[in-house]
Amino acid sequence: MDKQKTVELKGEVMESLPNAAFKVRLDDGRTIFAHLAGKMRIHHIKVMIGDKVILEMTPYDQTKGRIIKRE
């Protein structure tokens, strides 16, 4: 993803799905599908239900995102 064309949002993990995928509720109330970014997989950073996360989304598809950081 091009850094200039992404949107960063905060949310909370609601459900854990197979293959490092999650259902995340954003701060504005929307629920989206998100997967772990490559750096989080490489460094084995665990994400659990209830964790606050920062997501990176493209402005073209507002239903999917990528978890880039755990708070």
PDB file of N, CA and C in Angstrom:
ATOM      1  N   MET A   1       0.835  -1.187   0.000  1.00  0.00           N
ATOM      2  CA  MET A   1       0.000   0.000   0.000  1.00  0.00           C
ATOM      3  C   MET A   1       0.876   1.246   0.000  1.00  0.00           C
ATOM      4  N   ASP A   2       0.467   2.197  -0.739  1.00  0.00           N
ATOM      5  CA  ASP A   2       1.182   3.459  -0.771  1.00  0.00           C
ATOM      6  C   ASP A   2       0.869   4.230   0.506  1.00  0.00           C
ATOM      7  N   LYS A   3       1.885   4.718   1.193  1.00  0.00           N
ATOM      8  CA  LYS A   3       1.695   5.396   2.469  1.00  0.00           C
ATOM      9  C   LYS A   3       0.809   6.631   2.347  1.00  0.00           C
ATOM     10  N   GLN A   4       0.806   7.287   1.209  1.00  0.00           N
ATOM     11  CA  GLN A   4       0.034   8.510   1.059  1.00  0.00           C
ATOM     12  C   GLN A   4      -1.446   8.231   0.851  1.00  0.00           C
ATOM     13  N   LYS A   5      -1.800   7.012   0.456  1.00  0.00           N
ATOM     14  CA  LYS A   5      -3.192   6.707   0.153  1.00  0.00           C
ATOM     15  C   LYS A   5      -3.863   5.832   1.199  1.00  0.00           C
ATOM     16  N   THR A   6      -3.293   5.727   2.377  1.00  0.00           N
ATOM     17  CA  THR A   6      -3.896   4.900   3.415  1.00  0.00           C
ATOM     18  C   THR A   6      -4.478   5.769   4.514  1.00  0.00           C
ATOM     19  N   VAL A   7      -5.420   5.167   5.246  1.00  0.00           N
ATOM     20  CA  VAL A   7      -6.075   5.832   6.365  1.00  0.00           C
ATOM     21  C   VAL A   7      -5.815   4.984   7.602  1.00  0.00           C
ATOM     22  N   GLU A   8      -5.385   5.609   8.684  1.00  0.00           N
ATOM     23  CA  GLU A   8      -5.154   4.889   9.936  1.00  0.00           C
ATOM     24  C   GLU A   8      -6.314   5.148  10.885  1.00  0.00           C
ATOM     25  N   LEU A   9      -6.872   4.060  11.431  1.00  0.00           N
ATOM     26  CA  LEU A   9      -7.992   4.140  12.354  1.00  0.00           C
ATOM     27  C   LEU A   9      -7.707   3.271  13.571  1.00  0.00           C
ATOM     28  N   LYS A  10      -8.418   3.545  14.667  1.00  0.00           N
ATOM     29  CA  LYS A  10      -8.285   2.745  15.883  1.00  0.00           C
ATOM     30  C   LYS A  10      -9.534   1.890  16.050  1.00  0.00           C
ATOM     31  N   GLY A  11      -9.336   0.724  16.666  1.00  0.00           N
ATOM     32  CA  GLY A  11     -10.455  -0.167  16.902  1.00  0.00           C
ATOM     33  C   GLY A  11     -10.142  -1.178  17.986  1.00  0.00           C
ATOM     34  N   GLU A  12     -11.114  -2.075  18.213  1.00  0.00           N
ATOM     35  CA  GLU A  12     -10.987  -3.120  19.225  1.00  0.00           C
ATOM     36  C   GLU A  12     -11.318  -4.456  18.586  1.00  0.00           C
ATOM     37  N   VAL A  13     -10.507  -5.461  18.870  1.00  0.00           N
ATOM     38  CA  VAL A  13     -10.704  -6.792  18.309  1.00  0.00           C
ATOM     39  C   VAL A  13     -11.921  -7.432  18.967  1.00  0.00           C
ATOM     40  N   MET A  14     -12.870  -7.880  18.138  1.00  0.00           N
ATOM     41  CA  MET A  14     -14.097  -8.486  18.645  1.00  0.00           C
ATOM     42  C   MET A  14     -14.097 -10.009  18.520  1.00  0.00           C
ATOM     43  N   GLU A  15     -13.479 -10.521  17.448  1.00  0.00           N
ATOM     44  CA  GLU A  15     -13.519 -11.958  17.187  1.00  0.00           C
ATOM     45  C   GLU A  15     -12.254 -12.380  16.469  1.00  0.00           C
ATOM     46  N   SER A  16     -11.748 -13.543  16.823  1.00  0.00           N
ATOM     47  CA  SER A  16     -10.571 -14.097  16.167  1.00  0.00           C
ATOM     48  C   SER A  16     -11.021 -15.139  15.152  1.00  0.00           C
ATOM     49  N   LEU A  17     -10.496 -15.056  13.936  1.00  0.00           N
ATOM     50  CA  LEU A  17     -10.844 -15.961  12.850  1.00  0.00           C
ATOM     51  C   LEU A  17      -9.597 -16.732  12.422  1.00  0.00           C
ATOM     52  N   PRO A  18      -9.737 -17.784  11.623  1.00  0.00           N
ATOM     53  CA  PRO A  18      -8.555 -18.538  11.168  1.00  0.00           C
ATOM     54  C   PRO A  18      -7.614 -17.699  10.302  1.00  0.00           C
ATOM     55  N   ASN A  19      -6.363 -18.141  10.215  1.00  0.00           N
ATOM     56  CA  ASN A  19      -5.330 -17.525   9.372  1.00  0.00           C
ATOM     57  C   ASN A  19      -5.014 -16.081   9.752  1.00  0.00           C
ATOM     58  N   ALA A  20      -4.932 -15.809  11.035  1.00  0.00           N
ATOM     59  CA  ALA A  20      -4.558 -14.482  11.556  1.00  0.00           C
ATOM     60  C   ALA A  20      -5.478 -13.388  11.047  1.00  0.00           C
ATOM     61  N   ALA A  21      -6.767 -13.687  11.003  1.00  0.00           N
ATOM     62  CA  ALA A  21      -7.772 -12.706  10.606  1.00  0.00           C
ATOM     63  C   ALA A  21      -8.656 -12.391  11.816  1.00  0.00           C
ATOM     64  N   PHE A  22      -9.227 -11.196  11.814  1.00  0.00           N
ATOM     65  CA  PHE A  22     -10.002 -10.738  12.961  1.00  0.00           C
ATOM     66  C   PHE A  22     -11.189  -9.904  12.508  1.00  0.00           C
ATOM     67  N   LYS A  23     -12.238  -9.893  13.339  1.00  0.00           N
ATOM     68  CA  LYS A  23     -13.332  -8.935  13.193  1.00  0.00           C
ATOM     69  C   LYS A  23     -13.007  -7.815  14.172  1.00  0.00           C
ATOM     70  N   VAL A  24     -12.979  -6.580  13.674  1.00  0.00           N
ATOM     71  CA  VAL A  24     -12.588  -5.438  14.488  1.00  0.00           C
ATOM     72  C   VAL A  24     -13.705  -4.399  14.464  1.00  0.00           C
ATOM     73  N   ARG A  25     -14.061  -3.892  15.650  1.00  0.00           N
ATOM     74  CA  ARG A  25     -15.033  -2.804  15.742  1.00  0.00           C
ATOM     75  C   ARG A  25     -14.260  -1.491  15.840  1.00  0.00           C
ATOM     76  N   LEU A  26     -14.476  -0.624  14.873  1.00  0.00           N
ATOM     77  CA  LEU A  26     -13.795   0.666  14.853  1.00  0.00           C
ATOM     78  C   LEU A  26     -14.405   1.606  15.880  1.00  0.00           C
ATOM     79  N   ASP A  27     -13.703   2.695  16.185  1.00  0.00           N
ATOM     80  CA  ASP A  27     -14.185   3.672  17.149  1.00  0.00           C
ATOM     81  C   ASP A  27     -15.471   4.350  16.691  1.00  0.00           C
ATOM     82  N   ASP A  28     -15.704   4.398  15.374  1.00  0.00           N
ATOM     83  CA  ASP A  28     -16.933   5.033  14.876  1.00  0.00           C
ATOM     84  C   ASP A  28     -18.110   4.063  14.816  1.00  0.00           C
ATOM     85  N   GLY A  29     -17.918   2.804  15.264  1.00  0.00           N
ATOM     86  CA  GLY A  29     -19.016   1.851  15.358  1.00  0.00           C
ATOM     87  C   GLY A  29     -19.084   0.814  14.256  1.00  0.00           C
ATOM     88  N   ARG A  30     -18.345   0.996  13.174  1.00  0.00           N
ATOM     89  CA  ARG A  30     -18.362   0.023  12.081  1.00  0.00           C
ATOM     90  C   ARG A  30     -17.599  -1.228  12.479  1.00  0.00           C
ATOM     91  N   THR A  31     -17.981  -2.373  11.911  1.00  0.00           N
ATOM     92  CA  THR A  31     -17.272  -3.627  12.106  1.00  0.00           C
ATOM     93  C   THR A  31     -16.670  -4.037  10.772  1.00  0.00           C
ATOM     94  N   ILE A  32     -15.366  -4.322  10.777  1.00  0.00           N
ATOM     95  CA  ILE A  32     -14.674  -4.668   9.532  1.00  0.00           C
ATOM     96  C   ILE A  32     -13.872  -5.948   9.718  1.00  0.00           C
ATOM     97  N   PHE A  33     -13.417  -6.504   8.608  1.00  0.00           N
ATOM     98  CA  PHE A  33     -12.544  -7.675   8.566  1.00  0.00           C
ATOM     99  C   PHE A  33     -11.109  -7.171   8.456  1.00  0.00           C
ATOM    100  N   ALA A  34     -10.202  -7.691   9.300  1.00  0.00           N
ATOM    101  CA  ALA A  34      -8.805  -7.242   9.269  1.00  0.00           C
ATOM    102  C   ALA A  34      -7.865  -8.433   9.415  1.00  0.00           C
ATOM    103  N   HIS A  35      -6.683  -8.305   8.820  1.00  0.00           N
ATOM    104  CA  HIS A  35      -5.652  -9.326   8.964  1.00  0.00           C
ATOM    105  C   HIS A  35      -4.380  -8.670   9.508  1.00  0.00           C
ATOM    106  N   LEU A  36      -3.462  -9.501   9.990  1.00  0.00           N
ATOM    107  CA  LEU A  36      -2.218  -8.986  10.564  1.00  0.00           C
ATOM    108  C   LEU A  36      -1.261  -8.538   9.468  1.00  0.00           C
ATOM    109  N   ALA A  37      -0.570  -7.452   9.725  1.00  0.00           N
ATOM    110  CA  ALA A  37       0.470  -6.979   8.813  1.00  0.00           C
ATOM    111  C   ALA A  37       1.681  -7.915   8.908  1.00  0.00           C
ATOM    112  N   GLY A  38       2.519  -7.886   7.907  1.00  0.00           N
ATOM    113  CA  GLY A  38       3.680  -8.768   7.833  1.00  0.00           C
ATOM    114  C   GLY A  38       4.635  -8.628   8.996  1.00  0.00           C
ATOM    115  N   LYS A  39       4.918  -7.414   9.439  1.00  0.00           N
ATOM    116  CA  LYS A  39       5.853  -7.198  10.553  1.00  0.00           C
ATOM    117  C   LYS A  39       5.322  -7.818  11.842  1.00  0.00           C
ATOM    118  N   MET A  40       3.997  -7.792  12.035  1.00  0.00           N
ATOM    119  CA  MET A  40       3.428  -8.378  13.246  1.00  0.00           C
ATOM    120  C   MET A  40       3.529  -9.903  13.200  1.00  0.00           C
ATOM    121  N   ARG A  41       3.402 -10.486  12.017  1.00  0.00           N
ATOM    122  CA  ARG A  41       3.556 -11.934  11.879  1.00  0.00           C
ATOM    123  C   ARG A  41       5.011 -12.346  12.085  1.00  0.00           C
ATOM    124  N   ILE A  42       5.946 -11.595  11.494  1.00  0.00           N
ATOM    125  CA  ILE A  42       7.369 -11.916  11.590  1.00  0.00           C
ATOM    126  C   ILE A  42       7.846 -11.884  13.042  1.00  0.00           C
ATOM    127  N   HIS A  43       7.413 -10.888  13.799  1.00  0.00           N
ATOM    128  CA  HIS A  43       7.860 -10.723  15.178  1.00  0.00           C
ATOM    129  C   HIS A  43       6.956 -11.427  16.189  1.00  0.00           C
ATOM    130  N   HIS A  44       6.002 -12.233  15.710  1.00  0.00           N
ATOM    131  CA  HIS A  44       5.125 -13.051  16.548  1.00  0.00           C
ATOM    132  C   HIS A  44       4.393 -12.228  17.604  1.00  0.00           C
ATOM    133  N   ILE A  45       3.865 -11.077  17.214  1.00  0.00           N
ATOM    134  CA  ILE A  45       3.093 -10.241  18.129  1.00  0.00           C
ATOM    135  C   ILE A  45       1.681 -10.802  18.195  1.00  0.00           C
ATOM    136  N   LYS A  46       1.258 -11.174  19.397  1.00  0.00           N
ATOM    137  CA  LYS A  46      -0.043 -11.802  19.585  1.00  0.00           C
ATOM    138  C   LYS A  46      -1.130 -10.742  19.713  1.00  0.00           C
ATOM    139  N   VAL A  47      -2.246 -10.985  19.077  1.00  0.00           N
ATOM    140  CA  VAL A  47      -3.414 -10.119  19.179  1.00  0.00           C
ATOM    141  C   VAL A  47      -4.551 -10.974  19.700  1.00  0.00           C
ATOM    142  N   MET A  48      -5.203 -10.505  20.764  1.00  0.00           N
ATOM    143  CA  MET A  48      -6.274 -11.275  21.392  1.00  0.00           C
ATOM    144  C   MET A  48      -7.552 -10.461  21.419  1.00  0.00           C
ATOM    145  N   ILE A  49      -8.652 -11.141  21.693  1.00  0.00           N
ATOM    146  CA  ILE A  49      -9.953 -10.474  21.766  1.00  0.00           C
ATOM    147  C   ILE A  49      -9.909  -9.419  22.860  1.00  0.00           C
ATOM    148  N   GLY A  50     -10.395  -8.233  22.551  1.00  0.00           N
ATOM    149  CA  GLY A  50     -10.406  -7.128  23.501  1.00  0.00           C
ATOM    150  C   GLY A  50      -9.237  -6.176  23.362  1.00  0.00           C
ATOM    151  N   ASP A  51      -8.221  -6.526  22.579  1.00  0.00           N
ATOM    152  CA  ASP A  51      -7.060  -5.660  22.385  1.00  0.00           C
ATOM    153  C   ASP A  51      -7.426  -4.434  21.549  1.00  0.00           C
ATOM    154  N   LYS A  52      -6.845  -3.311  21.903  1.00  0.00           N
ATOM    155  CA  LYS A  52      -6.972  -2.091  21.104  1.00  0.00           C
ATOM    156  C   LYS A  52      -5.891  -2.128  20.031  1.00  0.00           C
ATOM    157  N   VAL A  53      -6.267  -1.864  18.788  1.00  0.00           N
ATOM    158  CA  VAL A  53      -5.333  -1.958  17.678  1.00  0.00           C
ATOM    159  C   VAL A  53      -5.442  -0.725  16.781  1.00  0.00           C
ATOM    160  N   ILE A  54      -4.392  -0.502  15.991  1.00  0.00           N
ATOM    161  CA  ILE A  54      -4.392   0.534  14.969  1.00  0.00           C
ATOM    162  C   ILE A  54      -4.413  -0.175  13.617  1.00  0.00           C
ATOM    163  N   LEU A  55      -5.346   0.242  12.765  1.00  0.00           N
ATOM    164  CA  LEU A  55      -5.531  -0.387  11.462  1.00  0.00           C
ATOM    165  C   LEU A  55      -5.138   0.564  10.359  1.00  0.00           C
ATOM    166  N   GLU A  56      -4.705  -0.012   9.266  1.00  0.00           N
ATOM    167  CA  GLU A  56      -4.411   0.749   8.053  1.00  0.00           C
ATOM    168  C   GLU A  56      -5.420   0.294   7.000  1.00  0.00           C
ATOM    169  N   MET A  57      -6.124   1.259   6.410  1.00  0.00           N
ATOM    170  CA  MET A  57      -7.142   0.935   5.413  1.00  0.00           C
ATOM    171  C   MET A  57      -6.927   1.769   4.168  1.00  0.00           C
ATOM    172  N   THR A  58      -7.326   1.218   3.026  1.00  0.00           N
ATOM    173  CA  THR A  58      -7.305   1.967   1.792  1.00  0.00           C
ATOM    174  C   THR A  58      -8.619   2.742   1.676  1.00  0.00           C
ATOM    175  N   PRO A  59      -8.611   3.914   1.098  1.00  0.00           N
ATOM    176  CA  PRO A  59      -9.866   4.663   0.985  1.00  0.00           C
ATOM    177  C   PRO A  59     -10.847   4.047  -0.008  1.00  0.00           C
ATOM    178  N   TYR A  60     -10.413   3.066  -0.783  1.00  0.00           N
ATOM    179  CA  TYR A  60     -11.269   2.480  -1.811  1.00  0.00           C
ATOM    180  C   TYR A  60     -12.156   1.366  -1.276  1.00  0.00           C
ATOM    181  N   ASP A  61     -11.719   0.635  -0.251  1.00  0.00           N
ATOM    182  CA  ASP A  61     -12.504  -0.457   0.322  1.00  0.00           C
ATOM    183  C   ASP A  61     -12.557  -0.272   1.829  1.00  0.00           C
ATOM    184  N   GLN A  62     -13.688   0.168   2.331  1.00  0.00           N
ATOM    185  CA  GLN A  62     -13.835   0.471   3.753  1.00  0.00           C
ATOM    186  C   GLN A  62     -14.330  -0.725   4.567  1.00  0.00           C
ATOM    187  N   THR A  63     -14.290  -1.941   4.009  1.00  0.00           N
ATOM    188  CA  THR A  63     -14.739  -3.122   4.732  1.00  0.00           C
ATOM    189  C   THR A  63     -13.579  -4.018   5.150  1.00  0.00           C
ATOM    190  N   LYS A  64     -12.360  -3.736   4.689  1.00  0.00           N
ATOM    191  CA  LYS A  64     -11.189  -4.552   5.009  1.00  0.00           C
ATOM    192  C   LYS A  64     -10.051  -3.663   5.487  1.00  0.00           C
ATOM    193  N   GLY A  65      -9.214  -4.222   6.343  1.00  0.00           N
ATOM    194  CA  GLY A  65      -8.074  -3.467   6.845  1.00  0.00           C
ATOM    195  C   GLY A  65      -6.935  -4.367   7.216  1.00  0.00           C
ATOM    196  N   ARG A  66      -5.841  -3.737   7.665  1.00  0.00           N
ATOM    197  CA  ARG A  66      -4.634  -4.459   8.053  1.00  0.00           C
ATOM    198  C   ARG A  66      -4.210  -3.931   9.415  1.00  0.00           C
ATOM    199  N   ILE A  67      -4.031  -4.842  10.378  1.00  0.00           N
ATOM    200  CA  ILE A  67      -3.626  -4.451  11.725  1.00  0.00           C
ATOM    201  C   ILE A  67      -2.122  -4.207  11.710  1.00  0.00           C
ATOM    202  N   ILE A  68      -1.729  -2.962  12.004  1.00  0.00           N
ATOM    203  CA  ILE A  68      -0.315  -2.606  11.946  1.00  0.00           C
ATOM    204  C   ILE A  68       0.307  -2.424  13.328  1.00  0.00           C
ATOM    205  N   LYS A  69      -0.524  -2.277  14.387  1.00  0.00           N
ATOM    206  CA  LYS A  69       0.030  -2.030  15.712  1.00  0.00           C
ATOM    207  C   LYS A  69      -0.983  -2.417  16.778  1.00  0.00           C
ATOM    208  N   ARG A  70      -0.474  -2.945  17.889  1.00  0.00           N
ATOM    209  CA  ARG A  70      -1.321  -3.245  19.063  1.00  0.00           C
ATOM    210  C   ARG A  70      -0.980  -2.248  20.153  1.00  0.00           C
ATOM    211  N   GLU A  71      -1.996  -1.668  20.745  1.00  0.00           N
ATOM    212  CA  GLU A  71      -1.751  -0.676  21.804  1.00  0.00           C
ATOM    213  C   GLU A  71      -1.761  -1.330  23.166  1.00  0.00           C
TER     214      GLU A  71
END
